[in-house]
Amino acid sequence: MTYAITQTCCSDATCVAVCPVNCIHPTPEEREFGSTEMLHVDPATCIDCGACADACPVDAIFPVDSLFGAQKEYAAVNAAYFADRPAAPAPAGPNFHAWGEPSFTRGVPSDFAPIRVAVVGTGPAGMYAAEDLLLHTNAEVTLIDRLPVAGGLVRYGVAPDHPATKGVGKTFARLHSHPRVRMQLGLQVGKDITAGELAAHHDAVIYAVGASTGRRLGIPGEDLPGSIPATSFVSWYNAHPEVEPEAVRLSTERVVVAGNGNVALDVARILMADPAALARTDIADHALAVLRDSKVREVVVLGRRGPEDMACTASELLALKHLPGVELIVDDHDPRTGARIDGAAPGEKAALLRDVARERTDWSRPPAAGRRIVFRFHSAPVEVLGEGGVAAVRVTAAAGEQDIPAGLLLRAVGYRGVPVPGLPFDDTTGTVPHEDGRVTGMPGTYVVGWIKRGPSGGIGANRTCAAETVGALLADAVAGRLPSPAQPPKAFRRLARQRSRHVVDARGLAAIDRAELARGRALGRPRVKFGTVPALIAAAKGGRGRSSS
């Protein structure tokens, strides 16, 4: 028997580090690492020890003979990755496999004095950076977030029907109460404090603020009511306090999603999922109520290129194919689509659509009976039509243009970073200019995650990104290139309390967690989030809070 890595793989390589036979690839030392969608277990090498499954932070690794339903396909997915790879030479001697020479990429002196580091942002990028600092140095870390709760995209970006992916949050949560960690949640840089003030209280500052807005399409009618970024829709169903419960209405039979990346597939899946199944997740109360009354029966997923260029991962596409009660269709409006699917080689994403029904959709008619998701390739939105709201989306077609009647357009064409007051910003890339994580022209200031490299890579990609940034920071510290703090250690806490009356610390965060779990238990759900800032603050203070809506 062998193990297989499945859909929720986060690619952070925790499993690679514990594997005794080096059967998980690509490893961080291999060129493919960071460019593949997930890691894979070699069935010819795996010795069934289960160490990888125990270490996996997102519960993505299972014995092959325990896979069921859609998960069964991952046995073949893992094996296919190694089909054309040359077998590693058998090592001489008693070892399971040959080990390379030890490599120490960092050198921190034994008498290295503790440094104070502020990490702005408590999503995966910030927490991987904090973890690196806490595990490998004696640094004191201040965790800062503009919201009064930690988690970032783990809390507000992962779809509620992917609970295993959210499991990585438990790994990060153990750092919240670390003796060298101080939390200042509900404190916004650029509003409550300046970047200069933050720097004056710390040896170094790492910004892990992500990419918080959606990219624009740049077409006429894009700002009509009913045309919203998919990022806002994701925040809405995840109870983000900055998105109003009334932000989304599902009174239309057809929804168009522009884009076919993982976020596009997430929103399509949530729109079509059985509300009874969603009721067993931590989806926002207000979103669950709207989805129960939803009139949406068809979601059209647009891709401006062909099926071979789908931006989603193969694992997310496989999940969509097995959505109960939902028919998957490929719009056969362009002959290039079917030809590319039929000609796709095994292992290519286009090949996964070979058993999906194809039809030439008549968009002048209402959606067909039942619930369905329609993939339409070689089709880009060129205009949003309507008077006072979205009525149709005009798209490119094999011959000219075509109007698809719809009452809601979700723009899932990527995330984009926003400027951080006091830091330089590249408006073209939506990132902070840097070199190996060092912010240009600002000694002691660093970036990590999407604000550093742009919105690319999943949760695990932030681990190697954080390692580079923390490595640069430590090299600067050892070389004496960090500016010394102008204020004593306790001064920043006093400043934070002066600037924000409702700063949440680790004890307050733990109180929020307990309260949300208790709300969930009362309703037979894993968790019911508080969806407003006042409710989160009240829960942090031990109050009962208010409704998540």
Protein backbone atom coordinates (compact mmCIF):
# COMPACT_ATOMS: atom_id res chain seq x y z
CA MET A 1 0.00 0.00 0.00
CA THR A 2 1.13 3.56 -0.66
CA TYR A 3 -0.02 7.02 0.35
CA ALA A 4 -1.35 9.72 -1.98
CA ILE A 5 -1.51 13.48 -1.71
CA THR A 6 -4.97 14.85 -2.49
CA GLN A 7 -6.81 18.04 -3.36
CA THR A 8 -6.05 20.14 -0.31
CA CYS A 9 -2.24 19.98 -0.69
CA CYS A 10 -0.72 23.29 0.40
CA SER A 11 2.77 22.54 -1.02
CA ASP A 12 4.61 23.91 2.01
CA ALA A 13 6.87 20.80 2.02
CA THR A 14 6.37 19.89 5.68
CA CYS A 15 5.82 16.33 4.47
CA VAL A 16 9.09 16.32 2.52
CA ALA A 17 11.07 17.05 5.67
CA VAL A 18 9.76 13.97 7.54
CA CYS A 19 9.77 11.40 4.72
CA PRO A 20 12.47 8.79 5.49
CA VAL A 21 12.75 7.53 1.90
CA ASN A 22 12.55 10.77 -0.09
CA CYS A 23 9.43 9.64 -1.98
CA ILE A 24 7.69 13.05 -2.06
CA HIS A 25 8.48 15.38 -4.94
CA PRO A 26 9.24 18.00 -5.99
CA THR A 27 11.32 18.91 -2.97
CA PRO A 28 12.36 22.51 -2.22
CA GLU A 29 15.77 21.69 -3.69
CA GLU A 30 14.30 20.67 -7.06
CA ARG A 31 13.68 23.10 -9.89
CA GLU A 32 9.98 22.19 -10.23
CA PHE A 33 9.23 23.15 -6.63
CA GLY A 34 6.94 26.16 -6.56
CA SER A 35 5.81 25.67 -10.16
CA THR A 36 3.81 22.47 -9.72
CA GLU A 37 0.25 22.64 -8.43
CA MET A 38 0.81 20.11 -5.66
CA LEU A 39 3.34 17.64 -4.29
CA HIS A 40 3.23 13.93 -5.16
CA VAL A 41 4.04 10.61 -3.48
CA ASP A 42 5.98 8.09 -5.57
CA PRO A 43 4.08 4.79 -5.19
CA ALA A 44 7.19 2.80 -6.14
CA THR A 45 9.22 4.24 -3.27
CA CYS A 46 6.68 4.86 -0.49
CA ILE A 47 7.13 2.47 2.46
CA ASP A 48 3.73 3.15 4.05
CA CYS A 49 5.16 4.67 7.23
CA GLY A 50 2.54 7.44 7.45
CA ALA A 51 5.00 10.09 8.65
CA CYS A 52 3.89 12.47 5.90
CA ALA A 53 0.22 12.10 6.82
CA ASP A 54 0.98 12.85 10.47
CA ALA A 55 2.95 15.97 9.55
CA CYS A 56 0.61 17.37 6.89
CA PRO A 57 -0.87 20.67 8.18
CA VAL A 58 -3.94 20.44 5.91
CA ASP A 59 -4.82 16.71 6.16
CA ALA A 60 -4.19 16.11 2.45
CA ILE A 61 -2.36 12.75 2.64
CA PHE A 62 -4.16 9.39 2.91
CA PRO A 63 -3.51 5.70 2.27
CA VAL A 64 -4.54 4.88 -1.29
CA ASP A 65 -6.87 2.09 -0.19
CA SER A 66 -8.81 4.53 2.01
CA LEU A 67 -9.60 6.96 -0.81
CA PHE A 68 -13.21 7.09 -1.89
CA GLY A 69 -15.39 9.03 -4.32
CA ALA A 70 -13.59 11.82 -6.14
CA GLN A 71 -10.48 11.26 -3.98
CA LYS A 72 -9.78 7.94 -5.74
CA GLU A 73 -8.50 9.83 -8.75
CA TYR A 74 -5.52 11.08 -6.76
CA ALA A 75 -3.91 7.65 -6.70
CA ALA A 76 -3.50 7.95 -10.48
CA VAL A 77 -2.56 11.64 -10.25
CA ASN A 78 0.34 10.85 -7.90
CA ALA A 79 1.52 7.89 -9.96
CA ALA A 80 1.31 9.82 -13.24
CA TYR A 81 3.75 12.45 -11.98
CA PHE A 82 6.47 9.80 -11.76
CA ALA A 83 5.56 7.90 -14.95
CA ASP A 84 8.22 9.55 -17.14
CA ARG A 85 10.73 10.46 -14.43
CA PRO A 86 13.94 8.42 -14.30
CA ALA A 87 14.20 6.27 -11.21
CA ALA A 88 16.71 7.43 -8.62
CA PRO A 89 19.79 5.19 -8.35
CA ALA A 90 19.70 2.75 -5.46
CA PRO A 91 21.97 3.97 -2.66
CA ALA A 92 24.89 1.85 -1.52
CA GLY A 93 24.80 0.83 2.10
CA PRO A 94 22.02 0.36 4.65
CA ASN A 95 20.32 3.76 4.29
CA PHE A 96 16.89 4.04 2.66
CA HIS A 97 18.24 6.66 0.30
CA ALA A 98 21.34 8.75 -0.19
CA TRP A 99 21.45 11.93 1.85
CA GLY A 100 23.17 15.05 0.60
CA GLU A 101 25.79 16.95 2.50
CA PRO A 102 24.43 19.19 5.29
CA SER A 103 23.77 22.72 4.13
CA PHE A 104 23.50 25.69 6.47
CA THR A 105 22.20 28.67 4.53
CA ARG A 106 22.18 30.94 7.57
CA GLY A 107 24.72 31.68 10.22
CA VAL A 108 23.51 33.39 13.39
CA PRO A 109 26.24 33.93 16.03
CA SER A 110 25.72 32.23 19.38
CA ASP A 111 25.80 35.61 21.14
CA PHE A 112 23.25 37.13 18.75
CA ALA A 113 21.29 39.70 20.76
CA PRO A 114 17.48 39.51 20.68
CA ILE A 115 15.90 41.76 18.07
CA ARG A 116 12.41 43.19 18.00
CA VAL A 117 10.52 42.45 14.79
CA ALA A 118 7.02 43.61 13.88
CA VAL A 119 5.07 41.47 11.40
CA VAL A 120 2.18 43.36 9.80
CA GLY A 121 -0.42 40.84 8.64
CA THR A 122 -1.42 37.53 10.24
CA GLY A 123 -2.18 35.50 7.12
CA PRO A 124 0.03 32.63 5.91
CA ALA A 125 2.89 34.85 4.68
CA GLY A 126 3.18 36.74 7.95
CA MET A 127 2.83 33.65 10.10
CA TYR A 128 5.44 31.67 8.17
CA ALA A 129 7.82 34.61 8.69
CA ALA A 130 6.97 34.74 12.39
CA GLU A 131 7.43 30.98 12.72
CA ASP A 132 10.84 31.16 11.06
CA LEU A 133 11.96 33.89 13.43
CA LEU A 134 10.65 32.17 16.54
CA LEU A 135 12.03 28.73 15.72
CA HIS A 136 15.49 29.79 14.60
CA THR A 137 16.29 32.96 16.54
CA ASN A 138 15.61 34.57 19.90
CA ALA A 139 13.69 37.43 18.29
CA GLU A 140 10.71 39.05 19.97
CA VAL A 141 7.81 39.31 17.51
CA THR A 142 4.91 41.74 17.47
CA LEU A 143 1.98 40.51 15.33
CA ILE A 144 -0.15 43.33 13.92
CA ASP A 145 -3.36 43.17 11.90
CA ARG A 146 -5.84 45.84 10.90
CA LEU A 147 -8.71 43.51 11.83
CA PRO A 148 -9.38 42.53 15.47
CA VAL A 149 -8.90 38.84 14.58
CA ALA A 150 -6.01 36.87 13.08
CA GLY A 151 -5.96 34.58 10.05
CA GLY A 152 -5.90 36.66 6.89
CA LEU A 153 -6.71 34.56 3.82
CA VAL A 154 -6.90 31.34 5.85
CA ARG A 155 -9.93 32.78 7.66
CA TYR A 156 -11.38 34.99 4.93
CA GLY A 157 -10.13 33.52 1.64
CA VAL A 158 -10.43 29.73 1.87
CA ALA A 159 -13.82 28.39 0.78
CA PRO A 160 -15.95 27.11 3.70
CA ASP A 161 -16.34 23.69 2.06
CA HIS A 162 -12.54 23.22 2.21
CA PRO A 163 -12.16 22.77 5.99
CA ALA A 164 -8.96 20.73 5.66
CA THR A 165 -7.22 23.66 3.97
CA LYS A 166 -8.18 25.85 6.91
CA GLY A 167 -6.36 23.35 9.14
CA VAL A 168 -3.08 25.13 8.51
CA GLY A 169 -4.50 27.86 10.74
CA LYS A 170 -4.09 25.54 13.73
CA THR A 171 -0.37 25.37 13.01
CA PHE A 172 -0.18 29.15 13.06
CA ALA A 173 -2.46 29.49 16.10
CA ARG A 174 0.06 27.76 18.35
CA LEU A 175 2.36 30.75 17.80
CA HIS A 176 -0.20 33.25 19.06
CA SER A 177 0.55 32.40 22.69
CA HIS A 178 4.31 31.99 22.23
CA PRO A 179 6.17 33.69 25.11
CA ARG A 180 8.11 35.91 22.68
CA VAL A 181 4.99 37.01 20.76
CA ARG A 182 2.87 40.09 21.40
CA MET A 183 -0.35 40.59 19.45
CA GLN A 184 -1.80 43.96 18.52
CA LEU A 185 -4.91 43.16 16.46
CA GLY A 186 -7.23 45.90 15.27
CA LEU A 187 -4.34 48.28 14.61
CA GLN A 188 -3.94 49.66 11.08
CA VAL A 189 -0.66 50.98 9.72
CA GLY A 190 -1.34 54.22 7.88
CA LYS A 191 -4.44 54.98 9.93
CA ASP A 192 -3.79 54.31 13.61
CA ILE A 193 0.00 54.43 13.41
CA THR A 194 2.51 55.40 10.73
CA ALA A 195 5.15 53.20 9.15
CA GLY A 196 7.76 55.50 10.69
CA GLU A 197 6.34 55.09 14.19
CA LEU A 198 6.28 51.32 13.78
CA ALA A 199 9.90 51.30 12.63
CA ALA A 200 10.94 53.52 15.54
CA HIS A 201 9.80 50.84 18.01
CA HIS A 202 11.37 47.80 16.32
CA ASP A 203 14.68 46.67 14.85
CA ALA A 204 12.85 45.47 11.74
CA VAL A 205 9.35 45.46 10.26
CA ILE A 206 8.01 42.78 7.88
CA TYR A 207 4.93 43.72 5.87
CA ALA A 208 2.76 40.73 4.94
CA VAL A 209 -0.36 42.65 3.90
CA GLY A 210 -1.23 40.57 0.84
CA ALA A 211 -3.26 41.73 -2.13
CA SER A 212 -6.60 42.86 -0.80
CA THR A 213 -8.51 44.02 -3.88
CA GLY A 214 -9.62 42.43 -7.13
CA ARG A 215 -8.20 43.38 -10.51
CA ARG A 216 -10.47 45.23 -12.90
CA LEU A 217 -11.61 44.10 -16.34
CA GLY A 218 -11.41 47.59 -17.84
CA ILE A 219 -14.62 47.26 -19.89
CA PRO A 220 -17.71 49.48 -20.22
CA GLY A 221 -20.41 48.84 -17.62
CA GLU A 222 -18.02 47.19 -15.18
CA ASP A 223 -19.27 49.34 -12.31
CA LEU A 224 -22.98 48.64 -12.78
CA PRO A 225 -24.78 47.29 -9.70
CA GLY A 226 -24.56 43.52 -9.86
CA SER A 227 -20.97 43.54 -11.16
CA ILE A 228 -18.70 42.78 -8.22
CA PRO A 229 -15.18 41.44 -7.70
CA ALA A 230 -15.11 37.75 -6.84
CA THR A 231 -12.81 38.75 -3.99
CA SER A 232 -15.75 40.61 -2.40
CA PHE A 233 -18.01 37.61 -2.93
CA VAL A 234 -15.45 35.36 -1.20
CA SER A 235 -15.21 37.81 1.70
CA TRP A 236 -19.02 37.95 1.86
CA TYR A 237 -19.51 34.22 2.30
CA ASN A 238 -16.60 34.10 4.78
CA ALA A 239 -18.10 36.78 7.09
CA HIS A 240 -15.42 39.41 6.49
CA PRO A 241 -16.42 42.42 8.61
CA GLU A 242 -15.65 44.91 5.82
CA VAL A 243 -18.27 43.41 3.45
CA GLU A 244 -21.90 44.13 4.25
CA PRO A 245 -24.27 41.14 4.55
CA GLU A 246 -26.50 42.84 1.96
CA ALA A 247 -23.65 43.10 -0.57
CA VAL A 248 -24.85 40.06 -2.55
CA ARG A 249 -28.31 39.21 -3.80
CA LEU A 250 -29.00 36.00 -5.73
CA SER A 251 -32.29 36.81 -7.44
CA THR A 252 -31.11 35.93 -10.95
CA GLU A 253 -31.20 32.52 -12.64
CA ARG A 254 -27.84 32.91 -14.38
CA VAL A 255 -24.49 34.21 -13.08
CA VAL A 256 -21.43 34.90 -15.22
CA VAL A 257 -17.98 34.43 -13.70
CA ALA A 258 -15.15 36.11 -15.63
CA GLY A 259 -12.03 33.99 -15.18
CA ASN A 260 -11.36 30.29 -14.59
CA GLY A 261 -8.77 30.23 -11.82
CA ASN A 262 -9.26 28.64 -8.41
CA VAL A 263 -11.22 31.61 -7.06
CA ALA A 264 -13.58 31.44 -10.06
CA LEU A 265 -14.16 27.74 -9.43
CA ASP A 266 -14.64 28.40 -5.71
CA VAL A 267 -17.41 30.93 -6.28
CA ALA A 268 -19.06 28.76 -8.96
CA ARG A 269 -19.01 25.78 -6.61
CA ILE A 270 -20.44 27.74 -3.66
CA LEU A 271 -23.21 29.16 -5.84
CA MET A 272 -24.22 25.66 -6.95
CA ALA A 273 -23.57 23.72 -3.75
CA ASP A 274 -26.39 22.22 -1.70
CA PRO A 275 -27.13 24.67 1.15
CA ALA A 276 -27.68 21.68 3.44
CA ALA A 277 -24.06 20.68 2.87
CA LEU A 278 -22.85 24.26 3.38
CA ALA A 279 -24.77 24.38 6.66
CA ARG A 280 -22.19 21.91 8.01
CA THR A 281 -19.37 24.41 7.40
CA ASP A 282 -18.31 27.76 8.89
CA ILE A 283 -19.93 29.77 6.08
CA ALA A 284 -21.33 33.14 7.17
CA ASP A 285 -24.89 33.02 8.52
CA HIS A 286 -26.07 35.74 6.16
CA ALA A 287 -24.55 33.99 3.15
CA LEU A 288 -26.16 30.67 4.07
CA ALA A 289 -29.56 32.37 4.33
CA VAL A 290 -29.17 34.01 0.91
CA LEU A 291 -27.96 30.78 -0.70
CA ARG A 292 -30.93 28.88 0.70
CA ASP A 293 -33.25 31.31 -1.09
CA SER A 294 -31.06 31.59 -4.20
CA LYS A 295 -32.68 31.51 -7.63
CA VAL A 296 -29.37 30.80 -9.39
CA ARG A 297 -29.52 27.66 -11.53
CA GLU A 298 -26.66 28.23 -13.95
CA VAL A 299 -23.13 29.60 -13.61
CA VAL A 300 -21.16 30.44 -16.76
CA VAL A 301 -17.37 30.36 -16.28
CA LEU A 302 -15.56 32.39 -18.94
CA GLY A 303 -12.01 31.77 -20.10
CA ARG A 304 -10.45 34.05 -22.69
CA ARG A 305 -8.07 31.29 -23.80
CA GLY A 306 -8.60 27.59 -24.47
CA PRO A 307 -9.04 24.69 -22.01
CA GLU A 308 -5.29 23.99 -22.11
CA ASP A 309 -4.70 27.36 -20.45
CA MET A 310 -7.16 27.08 -17.55
CA ALA A 311 -5.78 29.02 -14.60
CA CYS A 312 -7.28 26.66 -12.01
CA THR A 313 -5.43 23.70 -10.55
CA ALA A 314 -6.29 20.19 -11.68
CA SER A 315 -7.40 19.32 -8.14
CA GLU A 316 -10.00 22.11 -8.05
CA LEU A 317 -11.32 21.07 -11.47
CA LEU A 318 -11.62 17.47 -10.30
CA ALA A 319 -13.60 18.62 -7.27
CA LEU A 320 -16.01 20.53 -9.49
CA LYS A 321 -16.62 17.45 -11.63
CA HIS A 322 -17.92 15.60 -8.56
CA LEU A 323 -20.25 18.27 -7.18
CA PRO A 324 -23.47 16.41 -6.24
CA GLY A 325 -26.55 17.32 -8.23
CA VAL A 326 -24.70 19.71 -10.57
CA GLU A 327 -24.20 19.07 -14.29
CA LEU A 328 -20.93 20.22 -15.83
CA ILE A 329 -21.10 21.44 -19.45
CA VAL A 330 -18.56 22.68 -21.98
CA ASP A 331 -20.02 25.28 -24.37
CA ASP A 332 -19.10 24.01 -27.84
CA HIS A 333 -19.38 27.43 -29.53
CA ASP A 334 -15.78 27.34 -30.81
CA PRO A 335 -14.36 24.29 -32.65
CA ARG A 336 -10.94 24.88 -31.08
CA THR A 337 -12.32 23.91 -27.66
CA GLY A 338 -13.38 20.36 -28.50
CA ALA A 339 -10.30 19.75 -30.61
CA ARG A 340 -7.98 20.76 -27.79
CA ILE A 341 -9.83 18.63 -25.23
CA ASP A 342 -9.81 15.56 -27.49
CA GLY A 343 -6.12 16.01 -28.30
CA ALA A 344 -4.95 16.61 -24.74
CA ALA A 345 -2.35 14.21 -23.39
CA PRO A 346 -2.96 12.34 -20.11
CA GLY A 347 -2.07 14.57 -17.19
CA GLU A 348 -3.02 17.80 -18.96
CA LYS A 349 -5.90 19.77 -17.44
CA ALA A 350 -7.79 19.84 -20.74
CA ALA A 351 -7.90 16.02 -20.66
CA LEU A 352 -9.95 16.19 -17.44
CA LEU A 353 -12.82 17.64 -19.50
CA ARG A 354 -12.89 14.78 -22.00
CA ASP A 355 -15.83 13.06 -20.28
CA VAL A 356 -17.75 16.32 -19.76
CA ALA A 357 -20.80 16.87 -21.96
CA ARG A 358 -20.52 19.45 -24.73
CA GLU A 359 -23.33 21.45 -26.23
CA ARG A 360 -23.88 24.57 -28.27
CA THR A 361 -25.71 26.74 -25.78
CA ASP A 362 -28.58 28.94 -26.93
CA TRP A 363 -28.13 32.00 -24.72
CA SER A 364 -31.41 33.55 -25.85
CA ARG A 365 -33.26 30.95 -23.78
CA PRO A 366 -33.51 30.68 -19.98
CA PRO A 367 -31.18 28.22 -18.22
CA ALA A 368 -32.06 24.57 -18.61
CA ALA A 369 -33.77 22.68 -15.79
CA GLY A 370 -31.66 21.63 -12.85
CA ARG A 371 -28.36 23.15 -11.75
CA ARG A 372 -25.33 23.37 -13.96
CA ILE A 373 -21.95 25.00 -14.49
CA VAL A 374 -20.99 25.89 -18.07
CA PHE A 375 -17.36 26.31 -19.10
CA ARG A 376 -17.04 28.66 -22.04
CA PHE A 377 -13.54 28.98 -23.51
CA HIS A 378 -12.13 31.40 -26.11
CA SER A 379 -14.55 33.97 -24.73
CA ALA A 380 -13.75 37.22 -22.94
CA PRO A 381 -16.15 39.87 -21.57
CA VAL A 382 -16.12 43.08 -23.60
CA GLU A 383 -19.05 44.99 -22.06
CA VAL A 384 -21.53 44.75 -19.23
CA LEU A 385 -25.05 45.67 -20.39
CA GLY A 386 -27.96 46.98 -18.37
CA GLU A 387 -29.90 49.98 -17.11
CA GLY A 388 -29.45 50.42 -13.37
CA GLY A 389 -27.95 46.95 -13.00
CA VAL A 390 -26.40 44.02 -14.83
CA ALA A 391 -28.73 42.52 -17.44
CA ALA A 392 -26.27 40.76 -19.74
CA VAL A 393 -22.56 40.32 -20.42
CA ARG A 394 -21.33 40.80 -23.98
CA VAL A 395 -18.54 38.34 -24.76
CA THR A 396 -16.34 37.38 -27.66
CA ALA A 397 -17.41 34.39 -29.71
CA ALA A 398 -16.09 32.29 -32.60
CA ALA A 399 -17.85 34.69 -34.96
CA GLY A 400 -18.12 38.22 -33.57
CA GLU A 401 -19.71 38.85 -30.19
CA GLN A 402 -22.57 37.39 -28.19
CA ASP A 403 -24.74 38.56 -25.29
CA ILE A 404 -25.22 36.25 -22.32
CA PRO A 405 -28.23 37.35 -20.23
CA ALA A 406 -27.32 37.39 -16.53
CA GLY A 407 -28.18 39.42 -13.47
CA LEU A 408 -24.82 39.04 -11.71
CA LEU A 409 -21.21 39.25 -12.92
CA LEU A 410 -18.40 38.08 -10.65
CA ARG A 411 -14.99 39.34 -11.78
CA ALA A 412 -12.48 36.63 -10.87
CA VAL A 413 -9.46 37.86 -12.81
CA GLY A 414 -6.98 38.03 -9.95
CA TYR A 415 -6.04 39.89 -6.79
CA ARG A 416 -4.12 43.13 -6.63
CA GLY A 417 -2.06 44.74 -3.89
CA VAL A 418 -2.79 48.24 -2.61
CA PRO A 419 -0.28 50.87 -1.47
CA VAL A 420 0.87 50.86 2.15
CA PRO A 421 1.17 54.45 3.44
CA GLY A 422 4.83 55.22 4.00
CA LEU A 423 6.17 52.48 1.71
CA PRO A 424 7.13 52.72 -1.98
CA PHE A 425 4.67 51.09 -4.40
CA ASP A 426 4.87 49.82 -7.98
CA ASP A 427 1.48 50.57 -9.48
CA THR A 428 2.16 48.36 -12.49
CA THR A 429 2.74 45.18 -10.52
CA GLY A 430 0.73 46.07 -7.41
CA THR A 431 3.73 45.25 -5.20
CA VAL A 432 6.27 46.99 -2.98
CA PRO A 433 9.66 47.34 -4.73
CA HIS A 434 12.25 45.16 -3.00
CA GLU A 435 15.38 43.08 -3.38
CA ASP A 436 15.20 39.63 -1.78
CA GLY A 437 12.48 41.01 0.48
CA ARG A 438 14.36 44.20 1.47
CA VAL A 439 12.15 47.23 0.73
CA THR A 440 13.94 49.61 -1.61
CA GLY A 441 15.43 52.60 0.19
CA MET A 442 14.12 51.62 3.65
CA PRO A 443 16.71 49.80 5.79
CA GLY A 444 15.06 47.53 8.35
CA THR A 445 11.83 47.21 6.34
CA TYR A 446 10.88 44.00 4.53
CA VAL A 447 8.02 42.43 2.59
CA VAL A 448 6.75 38.88 2.24
CA GLY A 449 3.87 37.17 0.43
CA TRP A 450 1.71 38.66 -2.30
CA ILE A 451 2.70 42.26 -1.56
CA LYS A 452 6.25 41.10 -2.30
CA ARG A 453 5.87 38.79 -5.30
CA GLY A 454 2.35 39.51 -6.59
CA PRO A 455 -0.73 37.28 -6.23
CA SER A 456 0.85 33.98 -7.19
CA GLY A 457 1.18 30.68 -5.40
CA GLY A 458 -0.95 29.11 -2.69
CA ILE A 459 -0.51 28.86 1.05
CA GLY A 460 2.64 26.76 0.97
CA ALA A 461 4.46 29.09 -1.45
CA ASN A 462 4.64 31.61 1.38
CA ARG A 463 6.93 29.35 3.37
CA THR A 464 9.85 29.59 0.94
CA CYS A 465 9.02 33.25 0.32
CA ALA A 466 9.23 33.92 4.07
CA ALA A 467 12.49 31.99 4.34
CA GLU A 468 14.08 34.31 1.77
CA THR A 469 12.85 37.45 3.52
CA VAL A 470 13.81 36.31 7.01
CA GLY A 471 17.19 35.22 5.67
CA ALA A 472 17.77 38.73 4.31
CA LEU A 473 16.66 40.27 7.62
CA LEU A 474 19.01 38.09 9.65
CA ALA A 475 21.91 38.76 7.32
CA ASP A 476 21.32 42.47 7.82
CA ALA A 477 21.07 42.03 11.58
CA VAL A 478 24.35 40.08 11.80
CA ALA A 479 26.07 42.65 9.58
CA GLY A 480 24.85 45.52 11.77
CA ARG A 481 22.72 47.05 9.02
CA LEU A 482 19.48 47.29 11.04
CA PRO A 483 18.63 50.70 12.51
CA SER A 484 18.33 50.62 16.30
CA PRO A 485 14.86 51.23 17.78
CA ALA A 486 14.43 54.73 19.13
CA GLN A 487 11.88 53.58 21.75
CA PRO A 488 12.04 51.03 24.59
CA PRO A 489 10.22 47.66 24.25
CA LYS A 490 7.08 48.49 26.24
CA ALA A 491 6.53 51.84 24.54
CA PHE A 492 4.85 50.35 21.47
CA ARG A 493 2.13 48.68 23.50
CA ARG A 494 1.32 52.00 25.14
CA LEU A 495 1.26 53.72 21.76
CA ALA A 496 -1.05 51.08 20.28
CA ARG A 497 -3.50 51.46 23.18
CA GLN A 498 -3.49 55.23 22.76
CA ARG A 499 -4.18 55.06 19.02
CA SER A 500 -6.78 52.28 19.01
CA ARG A 501 -9.19 51.84 21.93
CA HIS A 502 -10.02 48.25 21.05
CA VAL A 503 -6.71 46.49 20.41
CA VAL A 504 -7.08 42.71 20.76
CA ASP A 505 -4.25 40.67 22.29
CA ALA A 506 -3.67 36.90 22.43
CA ARG A 507 -6.14 36.43 25.28
CA GLY A 508 -8.79 38.39 23.41
CA LEU A 509 -8.17 36.32 20.27
CA ALA A 510 -8.58 33.13 22.29
CA ALA A 511 -11.88 34.49 23.66
CA ILE A 512 -13.12 35.14 20.10
CA ASP A 513 -12.20 31.59 19.15
CA ARG A 514 -14.04 30.10 22.11
CA ALA A 515 -17.12 32.20 21.47
CA GLU A 516 -17.30 31.30 17.77
CA LEU A 517 -16.87 27.61 18.51
CA ALA A 518 -19.62 27.79 21.13
CA ARG A 519 -21.95 29.48 18.63
CA GLY A 520 -21.18 26.68 16.22
CA ARG A 521 -21.88 23.92 18.74
CA ALA A 522 -25.26 25.46 19.49
CA LEU A 523 -26.22 25.13 15.83
CA GLY A 524 -24.47 21.85 15.05
CA ARG A 525 -21.80 23.58 13.00
CA PRO A 526 -18.00 23.69 13.40
CA ARG A 527 -17.92 27.45 13.92
CA VAL A 528 -20.14 30.51 13.47
CA LYS A 529 -18.03 33.60 12.90
CA PHE A 530 -18.70 37.06 14.15
CA GLY A 531 -19.12 39.21 11.04
CA THR A 532 -18.74 42.75 12.39
CA VAL A 533 -15.88 44.55 14.11
CA PRO A 534 -18.01 45.49 17.16
CA ALA A 535 -19.06 41.86 17.60
CA LEU A 536 -15.47 40.65 17.39
CA ILE A 537 -14.33 43.24 19.93
CA ALA A 538 -17.19 42.38 22.28
CA ALA A 539 -16.27 38.69 22.07
CA ALA A 540 -12.61 39.52 22.74
CA LYS A 541 -13.66 41.35 25.89
CA GLY A 542 -15.76 38.40 27.02
CA GLY A 543 -19.07 39.91 25.93
CA ARG A 544 -21.75 37.94 24.16
CA GLY A 545 -21.33 39.86 20.90
CA ARG A 546 -23.98 40.32 18.29
CA SER A 547 -25.22 38.47 15.25
CA SER A 548 -22.60 37.70 12.58
CA SER A 549 -24.72 39.61 10.13
